[in-house]
Protein backbone atom coordinates (compact mmCIF):
# COMPACT_ATOMS: atom_id res chain seq x y z
CA MET A 1 9.40 13.47 -10.05
CA ARG A 2 6.37 11.33 -10.77
CA LYS A 3 8.21 8.15 -9.71
CA ILE A 4 9.26 9.74 -6.41
CA ILE A 5 5.68 10.77 -5.65
CA GLY A 6 4.42 7.31 -6.64
CA PHE A 7 7.04 5.56 -4.51
CA THR A 8 6.42 7.76 -1.46
CA GLY A 9 2.63 7.73 -1.78
CA SER A 10 2.54 3.98 -2.19
CA HIS A 11 4.69 3.45 0.90
CA VAL A 12 2.61 5.87 2.99
CA LEU A 13 -0.67 4.20 2.02
CA TYR A 14 0.76 0.75 2.68
CA PHE A 15 2.06 1.92 6.08
CA LEU A 16 -1.42 3.24 6.99
CA ALA A 17 -2.96 -0.09 5.94
CA ASP A 18 -0.43 -1.91 8.11
CA CYS A 19 -1.30 0.27 11.11
CA LEU A 20 -4.99 -0.38 10.52
CA ASP A 21 -4.28 -4.10 10.33
CA LEU A 22 -2.59 -3.94 13.74
CA VAL A 23 -5.65 -2.20 15.20
CA MET A 24 -7.96 -4.81 13.70
CA ASP A 25 -5.74 -7.59 15.04
CA LYS A 26 -5.57 -6.20 18.57
CA THR A 27 -9.32 -5.56 18.77
CA CYS A 28 -10.25 -8.83 17.01
CA SER A 29 -12.53 -6.81 14.79
CA ARG A 30 -12.88 -6.71 11.01
CA ARG A 31 -14.96 -3.56 11.11
CA PHE A 32 -12.28 -1.56 9.26
CA PHE A 33 -11.58 -4.19 6.61
CA PRO A 34 -13.21 -2.19 3.78
CA LEU A 35 -10.93 0.77 4.58
CA TYR A 36 -7.93 -1.55 4.86
CA ARG A 37 -8.67 -3.02 1.43
CA LYS A 38 -9.11 0.44 -0.10
CA LEU A 39 -5.75 1.56 1.27
CA LEU A 40 -4.00 -1.45 -0.27
CA VAL A 41 -5.70 -0.95 -3.63
CA ARG A 42 -4.88 2.77 -3.63
CA SER A 43 -1.28 1.94 -2.76
CA ALA A 44 -1.00 -0.15 -5.91
CA ASP A 45 -2.86 2.50 -7.93
CA VAL A 46 -0.44 5.22 -6.83
CA GLU A 47 2.52 3.02 -7.70
CA ASN A 48 1.08 2.37 -11.16
CA TRP A 49 0.38 6.07 -11.63
CA GLY A 50 4.01 6.79 -10.82
CA GLY A 51 5.15 4.57 -13.64
CA GLY A 52 5.68 1.37 -11.69
CA GLY A 53 8.94 0.34 -10.12
CA GLY A 54 7.84 2.13 -6.98
CA ALA A 55 7.23 0.54 -3.64
CA TRP A 56 6.64 -2.96 -5.01
CA GLY A 57 8.57 -2.88 -8.28
CA MET A 58 11.75 -4.37 -6.83
CA LEU A 59 9.82 -7.07 -4.98
CA TRP A 60 7.95 -8.19 -8.10
CA ALA A 61 11.13 -8.08 -10.17
CA LYS A 62 12.76 -10.57 -7.75
CA LEU A 63 9.78 -12.93 -7.94
CA ARG A 64 9.78 -13.14 -11.74
């Protein structure tokens, strides 16, 4: 159950960061960059909390 929550939470946070990046790109503003960075860091934190192998586990496994 913990891995499912970690996987889902990590994807949701990354999706929100991606949406925020689109807003920053369209407005040519970096005003929300601190929030963007926090969302990305929290995404990784949630994945690690879930035991790894979540949203980015497969990607990192391919790169190794």
